[in-house]
Amino acid sequence: MIQSLKQLVQQINAEYIGADVSITGANMDSRAIKPGQLFVAIRAKRDGHDYIDNAIEKGASALLVEKKQPHITIPQIVVKESKKALFQLAMAWRNCLKMPVITITGSCGKTTTKEMLACVLKDQGHVHYAQGNFNNELGLPLSILSAPDNCDYLLLELGTNAPGEIAHLATLAQPDIAGITNVSASHLEKLISLDGVMEEKGALLNALGKKGVAIINLDDPRIATFSQTLSCQKVFVTAQNKPQAGIHLINYHDEENGFAYTVEVDGQCYKGQLYVFGLHNLHNMLMVLGYVHALGLDIDKAIQSLKCFSGYKGRFSLHRLTAYVSLIDDTYNASVQSVEAAIESLSEFDGVRVLVLSNMGELGEMAVFYHQKIGQKIAKAGLDQVCLYGDQNLMSIMLHETKGQNIALYHDKRTIVDTLKKYLKNKEKTRILVKGSRANQMEEIVQALI
């Protein structure tokens, strides 16, 4: 809780009108405002100033506005630009916080890794983090303003889709510990190349001071190379046999509801279980243990806590449709690496394997190349059926690369659902995996099957 909003506002040279109040956080969605929060009126597709009355009815304690509101009894912070003032206000509050600030970025897996780590830290102290992906220029300040000054850990996620965003967000986060889950082909429309993605994500690690700690995924060659330029402390993790890593995966095997695994941390072996699917989640687990190690917390307790992690909606979440048929919902988004991980995980399933896939977005001039690459990967996976949907040009390119093996391009989702219904009658183990970019709303297929 921020005890004195007025004192905080004095640090950003804004006009404060009304009595001093305390706030429990900030929100720019009048529908989701909670009693005690600051309502931030942002001008975007909709003008937040039109929803001030709704926010007050929901219990807002104060307003951040771009024009003075007449006949309003709660305090107002009047500024020229709400978005800029929100960032400045969050910066002022960040400078008041003394707990370790833990940050995560990456092309994919960052939200799941954050949720995994939050699950672990809850058992070892009081952690503040935003549920969901509050990771941009608006979401990150909201996360920080909602942080109590007496929590033990502040856990933040940073996202980007254009050059310079991570560096800007890192000035606000001021991380003590930071990591990059991976670097892959995402947001290439503006970041142009994988090297551009590395440079953008690497800005978070560059923000660490000499006493800061970087969690380094050695399985990503760009991150491994980039880490050599850092002057901060480092914790190395790997799923491969690399001697310089203090944390590495020794082995794993599939179980009915996930994985059993053995991991070595500083020469000591630990056995654990993850009740989520997808090989990429083993990499996420290793990153989590890297953070735990950097914080000096109990590794064994962390591994026990990970048994309670049940996944995140739309990110490789499991639904049992029948006694024999399971559905994997991975519809939250689709980067190249996450699509590759989904295909690899499905190909290792011992049973009937069905993939439903839409095109990938934000790949710019590399879109054709990466859709060809995914088509080639599907061709080698030996899946029983593949249903393609989305951008007809890109998916036709992918279809051509698969050589047409049990694969078809569909024009509507209803036909896909009708095609998949036959599998609900199966009396042998069957897994249907649905994956796609946000623009294609592939979750509609998931809901129809459920």
Protein backbone atom coordinates (compact mmCIF):
# COMPACT_ATOMS: atom_id res chain seq x y z
CA MET A 1 0.00 0.00 0.00
CA ILE A 2 1.19 3.51 -0.82
CA GLN A 3 0.45 5.40 2.38
CA SER A 4 0.68 8.94 0.98
CA LEU A 5 -0.30 9.46 -2.64
CA LYS A 6 0.24 13.20 -2.31
CA GLN A 7 3.88 12.78 -1.25
CA LEU A 8 4.49 10.42 -4.17
CA VAL A 9 2.95 12.86 -6.62
CA GLN A 10 5.19 15.66 -5.34
CA GLN A 11 8.13 13.71 -6.78
CA ILE A 12 6.81 13.99 -10.36
CA ASN A 13 5.83 17.68 -10.25
CA ALA A 14 2.16 17.08 -11.05
CA GLU A 15 -0.87 18.98 -9.76
CA TYR A 16 -2.59 17.26 -6.84
CA ILE A 17 -6.13 18.29 -5.95
CA GLY A 18 -7.86 17.09 -2.78
CA ALA A 19 -6.98 15.46 0.52
CA ASP A 20 -4.08 13.04 0.86
CA VAL A 21 -5.07 9.36 0.56
CA SER A 22 -3.44 5.97 0.54
CA ILE A 23 -3.87 3.65 -2.46
CA THR A 24 -3.59 -0.11 -2.86
CA GLY A 25 -2.48 0.09 -6.49
CA ALA A 26 -3.52 1.44 -9.86
CA ASN A 27 -5.78 0.35 -12.70
CA MET A 28 -6.80 1.79 -16.07
CA ASP A 29 -9.79 -0.54 -16.58
CA SER A 30 -12.86 0.88 -14.86
CA ARG A 31 -14.52 -2.54 -14.99
CA ALA A 32 -11.71 -4.15 -13.00
CA ILE A 33 -10.99 -1.35 -10.53
CA LYS A 34 -10.80 -2.45 -6.90
CA PRO A 35 -11.61 -0.36 -3.83
CA GLY A 36 -8.61 1.75 -2.85
CA GLN A 37 -6.98 1.87 -6.28
CA LEU A 38 -5.92 4.85 -8.38
CA PHE A 39 -7.88 5.03 -11.64
CA VAL A 40 -5.66 6.04 -14.56
CA ALA A 41 -7.59 7.66 -17.41
CA ILE A 42 -5.71 6.81 -20.62
CA ARG A 43 -6.63 8.13 -24.07
CA ALA A 44 -6.46 5.16 -26.47
CA LYS A 45 -9.07 3.52 -28.69
CA ARG A 46 -11.41 4.59 -25.93
CA ASP A 47 -10.97 7.62 -23.72
CA GLY A 48 -10.59 6.57 -20.08
CA HIS A 49 -12.01 9.93 -18.99
CA ASP A 50 -15.43 8.70 -20.18
CA TYR A 51 -15.37 5.97 -17.53
CA ILE A 52 -14.44 7.99 -14.45
CA ASP A 53 -17.91 7.69 -12.90
CA ASN A 54 -17.76 3.91 -13.30
CA ALA A 55 -14.36 3.80 -11.59
CA ILE A 56 -15.61 5.88 -8.67
CA GLU A 57 -18.64 3.60 -8.28
CA LYS A 58 -16.26 0.63 -8.13
CA GLY A 59 -14.35 2.27 -5.25
CA ALA A 60 -11.45 4.19 -6.82
CA SER A 61 -9.66 6.31 -4.19
CA ALA A 62 -8.14 8.84 -6.61
CA LEU A 63 -7.85 9.74 -10.30
CA LEU A 64 -4.96 10.35 -12.69
CA VAL A 65 -6.40 12.57 -15.44
CA GLU A 66 -5.39 14.87 -18.28
CA LYS A 67 -8.10 17.45 -17.54
CA LYS A 68 -9.49 18.60 -14.22
CA GLN A 69 -12.76 16.90 -13.37
CA PRO A 70 -15.49 19.18 -11.94
CA HIS A 71 -17.83 17.95 -9.24
CA ILE A 72 -15.54 15.09 -8.25
CA THR A 73 -15.02 14.58 -4.53
CA ILE A 74 -12.06 12.16 -4.61
CA PRO A 75 -8.48 13.44 -5.15
CA GLN A 76 -7.20 14.11 -8.67
CA ILE A 77 -3.74 14.13 -10.17
CA VAL A 78 -3.87 16.43 -13.19
CA VAL A 79 -1.16 15.96 -15.84
CA LYS A 80 -0.51 16.67 -19.52
CA GLU A 81 -0.16 13.01 -20.49
CA SER A 82 -1.52 10.20 -18.31
CA LYS A 83 0.65 7.47 -19.84
CA LYS A 84 3.87 9.39 -19.18
CA ALA A 85 2.77 10.38 -15.67
CA LEU A 86 1.85 6.76 -14.86
CA PHE A 87 5.39 5.70 -15.75
CA GLN A 88 6.89 8.53 -13.65
CA LEU A 89 4.66 7.73 -10.69
CA ALA A 90 5.67 4.05 -10.86
CA MET A 91 9.34 5.11 -11.02
CA ALA A 92 8.90 7.18 -7.86
CA TRP A 93 7.36 4.19 -6.07
CA ARG A 94 10.01 1.79 -7.42
CA ASN A 95 12.67 4.00 -5.83
CA CYS A 96 10.96 3.47 -2.47
CA LEU A 97 11.03 -0.32 -2.65
CA LYS A 98 13.82 -2.28 -0.97
CA MET A 99 13.02 -5.93 -1.73
CA PRO A 100 14.80 -7.90 -4.51
CA VAL A 101 13.32 -7.12 -7.93
CA ILE A 102 13.22 -10.21 -10.13
CA THR A 103 12.65 -9.81 -13.87
CA ILE A 104 11.95 -12.12 -16.81
CA THR A 105 11.83 -11.58 -20.55
CA GLY A 106 12.13 -13.79 -23.64
CA SER A 107 10.55 -14.57 -26.97
CA CYS A 108 8.28 -17.20 -25.47
CA GLY A 109 7.77 -18.88 -22.11
CA LYS A 110 8.24 -15.74 -20.01
CA THR A 111 4.71 -15.65 -18.58
CA THR A 112 4.72 -19.36 -17.75
CA THR A 113 8.17 -19.06 -16.17
CA LYS A 114 6.96 -16.10 -14.13
CA GLU A 115 3.90 -18.04 -12.94
CA MET A 116 6.09 -21.06 -12.08
CA LEU A 117 8.48 -18.87 -10.11
CA ALA A 118 5.60 -17.17 -8.31
CA CYS A 119 4.31 -20.60 -7.29
CA VAL A 120 7.72 -21.36 -5.77
CA LEU A 121 8.25 -17.99 -4.07
CA LYS A 122 4.81 -18.10 -2.42
CA ASP A 123 6.09 -21.01 -0.34
CA GLN A 124 9.25 -19.16 0.71
CA GLY A 125 7.97 -15.65 1.44
CA HIS A 126 5.58 -12.93 0.29
CA VAL A 127 5.85 -12.34 -3.46
CA HIS A 128 4.09 -9.63 -5.44
CA TYR A 129 3.51 -10.24 -9.14
CA ALA A 130 0.87 -9.43 -11.73
CA GLN A 131 -1.22 -12.31 -12.97
CA GLY A 132 -1.31 -12.32 -16.75
CA ASN A 133 1.19 -10.52 -18.93
CA PHE A 134 1.30 -6.96 -17.53
CA ASN A 135 4.62 -6.47 -19.24
CA ASN A 136 4.49 -3.34 -21.42
CA GLU A 137 4.71 0.43 -20.96
CA LEU A 138 1.30 0.46 -19.28
CA GLY A 139 1.22 -2.94 -17.59
CA LEU A 140 4.61 -2.76 -15.90
CA PRO A 141 3.91 0.56 -14.09
CA LEU A 142 0.57 -0.84 -12.90
CA SER A 143 2.36 -3.92 -11.53
CA ILE A 144 4.87 -1.79 -9.64
CA LEU A 145 2.31 0.63 -8.21
CA SER A 146 0.39 -2.36 -6.86
CA ALA A 147 3.46 -3.70 -5.02
CA PRO A 148 3.33 -3.39 -1.21
CA ASP A 149 6.50 -2.02 0.33
CA ASN A 150 6.68 -4.92 2.80
CA CYS A 151 6.70 -7.88 0.39
CA ASP A 152 9.76 -10.11 0.20
CA TYR A 153 10.04 -10.31 -3.60
CA LEU A 154 8.81 -8.24 -6.53
CA LEU A 155 8.47 -10.38 -9.66
CA LEU A 156 8.12 -8.58 -13.00
CA GLU A 157 7.72 -9.63 -16.63
CA LEU A 158 9.00 -7.40 -19.45
CA GLY A 159 7.78 -7.65 -23.04
CA THR A 160 8.54 -5.89 -26.30
CA ASN A 161 7.65 -5.66 -29.97
CA ALA A 162 9.88 -2.78 -31.04
CA PRO A 163 13.51 -1.67 -30.53
CA GLY A 164 14.21 0.18 -27.30
CA GLU A 165 11.18 -0.98 -25.31
CA ILE A 166 13.04 -3.35 -23.00
CA ALA A 167 15.73 -0.76 -22.26
CA HIS A 168 12.99 1.76 -21.42
CA LEU A 169 11.14 -0.69 -19.16
CA ALA A 170 14.38 -1.76 -17.48
CA THR A 171 14.98 1.83 -16.31
CA LEU A 172 11.73 1.46 -14.40
CA ALA A 173 12.22 -2.11 -13.16
CA GLN A 174 15.83 -1.56 -11.98
CA PRO A 175 16.33 -5.34 -11.72
CA ASP A 176 18.44 -7.18 -9.16
CA ILE A 177 18.01 -10.53 -10.94
CA ALA A 178 17.16 -10.92 -14.62
CA GLY A 179 16.87 -13.69 -17.19
CA ILE A 180 15.93 -14.34 -20.80
CA THR A 181 13.99 -17.55 -21.41
CA ASN A 182 15.03 -17.75 -25.08
CA VAL A 183 15.55 -15.77 -28.27
CA SER A 184 13.46 -16.79 -31.28
CA ALA A 185 11.63 -15.41 -34.29
CA SER A 186 8.99 -13.12 -32.79
CA HIS A 187 8.09 -9.49 -33.50
CA LEU A 188 10.38 -9.54 -36.55
CA GLU A 189 8.30 -6.86 -38.26
CA LYS A 190 10.12 -4.30 -36.10
CA LEU A 191 13.06 -6.22 -34.61
CA ILE A 192 14.00 -7.45 -38.13
CA SER A 193 16.28 -10.40 -37.24
CA LEU A 194 17.18 -12.85 -34.48
CA ASP A 195 20.21 -10.69 -33.70
CA GLY A 196 17.80 -7.76 -33.35
CA VAL A 197 15.70 -9.81 -30.93
CA MET A 198 18.83 -10.66 -28.93
CA GLU A 199 19.90 -7.04 -28.75
CA GLU A 200 16.43 -5.99 -27.59
CA LYS A 201 16.06 -8.74 -24.96
CA GLY A 202 19.68 -8.33 -23.86
CA ALA A 203 18.96 -4.77 -22.74
CA LEU A 204 17.40 -6.27 -19.61
CA LEU A 205 20.63 -8.05 -18.65
CA ASN A 206 22.61 -4.90 -19.47
CA ALA A 207 20.53 -3.09 -16.86
CA LEU A 208 21.99 -5.26 -14.08
CA GLY A 209 24.70 -3.75 -11.92
CA LYS A 210 27.84 -5.65 -10.98
CA LYS A 211 26.05 -7.06 -7.94
CA GLY A 212 23.09 -8.13 -10.04
CA VAL A 213 22.59 -11.71 -11.19
CA ALA A 214 21.77 -12.88 -14.72
CA ILE A 215 20.13 -16.27 -15.26
CA ILE A 216 21.73 -17.60 -18.46
CA ASN A 217 20.08 -20.26 -20.61
CA LEU A 218 23.13 -21.92 -22.18
CA ASP A 219 20.92 -23.91 -24.55
CA ASP A 220 20.25 -20.74 -26.50
CA PRO A 221 23.46 -19.96 -28.43
CA ARG A 222 22.74 -16.24 -28.76
CA ILE A 223 22.13 -15.84 -25.04
CA ALA A 224 25.23 -17.89 -24.24
CA THR A 225 27.37 -15.67 -26.46
CA PHE A 226 25.76 -12.47 -25.19
CA SER A 227 26.44 -13.49 -21.57
CA GLN A 228 30.18 -13.24 -22.20
CA THR A 229 29.85 -9.44 -22.44
CA LEU A 230 28.17 -9.08 -19.04
CA SER A 231 30.00 -7.86 -15.93
CA CYS A 232 27.29 -8.98 -13.49
CA GLN A 233 27.16 -12.30 -11.64
CA LYS A 234 25.74 -15.26 -13.58
CA VAL A 235 23.86 -18.47 -12.92
CA PHE A 236 24.03 -20.92 -15.86
CA VAL A 237 21.27 -23.44 -16.62
CA THR A 238 21.05 -26.10 -19.33
CA ALA A 239 19.08 -29.15 -20.41
CA GLN A 240 22.22 -30.44 -22.10
CA ASN A 241 25.53 -31.71 -20.77
CA LYS A 242 27.50 -28.47 -20.47
CA PRO A 243 30.10 -28.48 -17.69
CA GLN A 244 30.01 -24.72 -17.03
CA ALA A 245 26.35 -24.89 -15.94
CA GLY A 246 25.66 -25.06 -12.23
CA ILE A 247 22.11 -26.24 -12.93
CA HIS A 248 21.38 -28.88 -15.54
CA LEU A 249 18.77 -31.46 -16.38
CA ILE A 250 20.12 -34.99 -16.01
CA ASN A 251 17.14 -36.94 -17.32
CA TYR A 252 13.36 -36.94 -17.61
CA HIS A 253 10.57 -39.26 -18.67
CA ASP A 254 6.92 -38.78 -19.59
CA GLU A 255 4.25 -39.68 -17.09
CA GLU A 256 0.47 -39.74 -17.43
CA ASN A 257 0.09 -36.16 -16.19
CA GLY A 258 3.45 -34.60 -17.07
CA PHE A 259 7.11 -35.33 -16.39
CA ALA A 260 9.34 -36.91 -13.79
CA TYR A 261 12.85 -35.48 -13.89
CA THR A 262 16.23 -35.37 -12.19
CA VAL A 263 18.17 -32.13 -12.01
CA GLU A 264 21.63 -31.38 -10.67
CA VAL A 265 22.29 -28.13 -8.78
CA ASP A 266 25.88 -27.41 -7.77
CA GLY A 267 26.72 -31.12 -7.82
CA GLN A 268 23.69 -32.29 -5.84
CA CYS A 269 20.91 -34.27 -7.52
CA TYR A 270 17.21 -33.66 -6.93
CA LYS A 271 14.20 -35.59 -8.22
CA GLY A 272 11.00 -33.79 -9.08
CA GLN A 273 7.74 -33.87 -10.99
CA LEU A 274 5.97 -31.39 -13.21
CA TYR A 275 2.26 -31.81 -13.76
CA VAL A 276 2.26 -29.89 -17.04
CA PHE A 277 2.99 -30.92 -20.61
CA GLY A 278 5.44 -29.68 -23.20
CA LEU A 279 9.20 -30.20 -23.25
CA HIS A 280 9.65 -26.44 -23.12
CA ASN A 281 8.26 -26.50 -19.58
CA LEU A 282 11.35 -28.43 -18.50
CA HIS A 283 13.41 -25.47 -19.75
CA ASN A 284 11.10 -23.11 -17.87
CA MET A 285 11.64 -25.21 -14.74
CA LEU A 286 15.42 -24.89 -15.10
CA MET A 287 15.13 -21.11 -15.38
CA VAL A 288 13.02 -21.08 -12.22
CA LEU A 289 15.66 -23.04 -10.32
CA GLY A 290 18.23 -20.55 -11.59
CA TYR A 291 16.29 -17.72 -9.96
CA VAL A 292 15.86 -19.73 -6.76
CA HIS A 293 19.61 -20.36 -6.66
CA ALA A 294 20.36 -16.67 -7.25
CA LEU A 295 18.10 -15.74 -4.34
CA GLY A 296 19.82 -18.26 -2.06
CA LEU A 297 16.59 -20.13 -1.38
CA ASP A 298 15.98 -23.82 -0.66
CA ILE A 299 16.22 -25.82 -3.91
CA ASP A 300 14.55 -28.93 -2.55
CA LYS A 301 11.60 -26.90 -1.26
CA ALA A 302 11.34 -25.18 -4.65
CA ILE A 303 11.19 -28.53 -6.45
CA GLN A 304 8.42 -29.65 -4.09
CA SER A 305 6.53 -26.41 -4.79
CA LEU A 306 6.76 -27.00 -8.54
CA LYS A 307 4.63 -30.11 -8.12
CA CYS A 308 1.73 -27.75 -7.39
CA PHE A 309 2.11 -25.79 -10.61
CA SER A 310 -0.78 -26.70 -12.89
CA GLY A 311 -0.08 -24.52 -15.91
CA TYR A 312 -1.58 -21.38 -17.32
CA LYS A 313 -4.73 -21.10 -19.41
CA GLY A 314 -4.02 -21.26 -23.12
CA ARG A 315 -0.39 -22.26 -22.58
CA PHE A 316 -0.16 -26.02 -22.99
CA SER A 317 -3.06 -26.57 -20.60
CA LEU A 318 -4.60 -30.05 -20.54
CA HIS A 319 -8.26 -30.98 -20.92
CA ARG A 320 -9.49 -34.57 -20.67
CA LEU A 321 -12.22 -35.00 -23.25
CA THR A 322 -12.78 -38.73 -22.70
CA ALA A 323 -11.02 -41.56 -20.92
CA TYR A 324 -8.79 -41.94 -24.00
CA VAL A 325 -8.69 -38.50 -25.59
CA SER A 326 -6.83 -35.48 -24.23
CA LEU A 327 -6.76 -31.95 -25.60
CA ILE A 328 -3.82 -29.55 -25.25
CA ASP A 329 -4.84 -25.89 -25.40
CA ASP A 330 -1.83 -23.86 -26.55
CA THR A 331 -3.82 -21.09 -28.20
CA TYR A 332 -2.47 -18.09 -26.32
CA ASN A 333 -0.02 -17.24 -29.08
CA ALA A 334 2.32 -18.73 -31.66
CA SER A 335 5.96 -17.77 -32.09
CA VAL A 336 8.22 -19.94 -34.23
CA GLN A 337 9.96 -21.51 -31.25
CA SER A 338 6.73 -22.23 -29.39
CA VAL A 339 5.24 -23.89 -32.50
CA GLU A 340 8.38 -26.00 -32.88
CA ALA A 341 8.16 -26.98 -29.20
CA ALA A 342 4.50 -27.93 -29.60
CA ILE A 343 5.25 -30.16 -32.60
CA GLU A 344 8.16 -31.83 -30.80
CA SER A 345 6.07 -32.51 -27.70
CA LEU A 346 3.18 -33.91 -29.71
CA SER A 347 5.50 -36.11 -31.78
CA GLU A 348 6.77 -37.78 -28.59
CA PHE A 349 3.26 -38.73 -27.46
CA ASP A 350 2.68 -42.49 -27.52
CA GLY A 351 -0.66 -42.70 -29.27
CA VAL A 352 -2.74 -40.98 -31.95
CA ARG A 353 -1.39 -37.45 -32.53
CA VAL A 354 -3.46 -34.65 -34.06
CA LEU A 355 -2.25 -31.09 -34.62
CA VAL A 356 -4.48 -28.07 -35.29
CA LEU A 357 -2.36 -25.08 -36.27
CA SER A 358 -2.85 -21.52 -37.52
CA ASN A 359 -0.33 -19.17 -39.08
CA MET A 360 2.24 -17.25 -37.03
CA GLY A 361 2.10 -13.46 -36.85
CA GLU A 362 4.52 -10.51 -36.74
CA LEU A 363 7.26 -12.19 -38.78
CA GLY A 364 7.62 -9.42 -41.34
CA GLU A 365 9.67 -10.29 -44.41
CA MET A 366 10.64 -13.63 -42.85
CA ALA A 367 7.07 -14.94 -42.73
CA VAL A 368 7.39 -17.18 -45.81
CA PHE A 369 10.72 -18.63 -44.64
CA TYR A 370 9.46 -19.57 -41.18
CA HIS A 371 6.19 -21.06 -42.43
CA GLN A 372 8.22 -23.19 -44.81
CA LYS A 373 10.42 -24.23 -41.89
CA ILE A 374 7.43 -25.27 -39.77
CA GLY A 375 5.97 -27.19 -42.73
CA GLN A 376 9.22 -29.13 -43.03
CA LYS A 377 9.15 -29.87 -39.29
CA ILE A 378 5.59 -31.18 -39.54
CA ALA A 379 6.62 -33.43 -42.43
CA LYS A 380 9.27 -35.07 -40.22
CA ALA A 381 7.06 -35.39 -37.13
CA GLY A 382 4.97 -38.30 -38.40
CA LEU A 383 1.68 -36.99 -36.99
CA ASP A 384 -1.59 -38.80 -37.67
CA GLN A 385 -3.51 -35.73 -38.81
CA VAL A 386 -2.82 -32.00 -39.21
CA CYS A 387 -5.50 -29.34 -39.68
CA LEU A 388 -4.27 -25.95 -40.90
CA TYR A 389 -6.18 -22.69 -40.61
CA GLY A 390 -5.58 -18.96 -41.00
CA ASP A 391 -3.77 -16.89 -43.62
CA GLN A 392 -4.46 -18.90 -46.77
CA ASN A 393 -1.25 -17.84 -48.54
CA LEU A 394 1.07 -18.65 -45.65
CA MET A 395 -0.70 -21.89 -44.77
CA SER A 396 -0.65 -22.99 -48.43
CA ILE A 397 3.13 -22.52 -48.32
CA MET A 398 3.28 -24.62 -45.15
CA LEU A 399 1.01 -27.25 -46.69
CA HIS A 400 3.29 -27.54 -49.73
CA GLU A 401 6.30 -28.24 -47.48
CA THR A 402 4.51 -31.03 -45.59
CA LYS A 403 4.08 -33.02 -48.82
CA GLY A 404 0.37 -33.46 -47.99
CA GLN A 405 0.74 -36.30 -45.50
CA ASN A 406 -2.59 -36.55 -43.62
CA ILE A 407 -2.83 -32.77 -43.75
CA ALA A 408 -5.40 -30.31 -45.05
CA LEU A 409 -6.00 -26.57 -45.15
CA TYR A 410 -9.40 -25.45 -43.87
CA HIS A 411 -11.33 -22.26 -44.51
CA ASP A 412 -13.52 -22.31 -41.39
CA LYS A 413 -13.24 -23.57 -37.82
CA ARG A 414 -16.59 -25.33 -37.82
CA THR A 415 -15.35 -27.80 -40.42
CA ILE A 416 -12.22 -28.43 -38.34
CA VAL A 417 -14.35 -29.22 -35.29
CA ASP A 418 -16.53 -31.58 -37.33
CA THR A 419 -13.37 -33.29 -38.62
CA LEU A 420 -12.02 -33.76 -35.11
CA LYS A 421 -15.24 -35.15 -33.62
CA LYS A 422 -14.43 -38.64 -34.93
CA TYR A 423 -11.51 -38.84 -32.50
CA LEU A 424 -13.83 -38.51 -29.50
CA LYS A 425 -14.93 -42.08 -30.18
CA ASN A 426 -11.37 -43.45 -30.04
CA LYS A 427 -10.62 -46.32 -27.68
CA GLU A 428 -6.87 -45.79 -27.88
CA LYS A 429 -4.74 -43.00 -26.42
CA THR A 430 -5.24 -39.83 -28.47
CA ARG A 431 -3.93 -36.31 -28.10
CA ILE A 432 -5.23 -33.24 -29.97
CA LEU A 433 -3.05 -30.13 -29.78
CA VAL A 434 -4.49 -26.74 -30.82
CA LYS A 435 -2.00 -23.94 -31.46
CA GLY A 436 -2.27 -20.51 -33.07
CA SER A 437 -1.65 -16.79 -33.06
CA ARG A 438 -3.99 -14.50 -31.16
CA ALA A 439 -5.44 -13.01 -34.35
CA ASN A 440 -6.94 -16.37 -35.33
CA GLN A 441 -8.72 -17.01 -32.01
CA MET A 442 -8.03 -20.74 -32.07
CA GLU A 443 -9.47 -21.05 -28.56
CA GLU A 444 -12.87 -21.22 -30.28
CA ILE A 445 -11.93 -24.69 -31.53
CA VAL A 446 -10.87 -25.70 -28.02
CA GLN A 447 -14.16 -24.55 -26.52
CA ALA A 448 -16.17 -26.29 -29.25
CA LEU A 449 -14.41 -29.61 -28.60
CA ILE A 450 -14.82 -29.29 -24.83
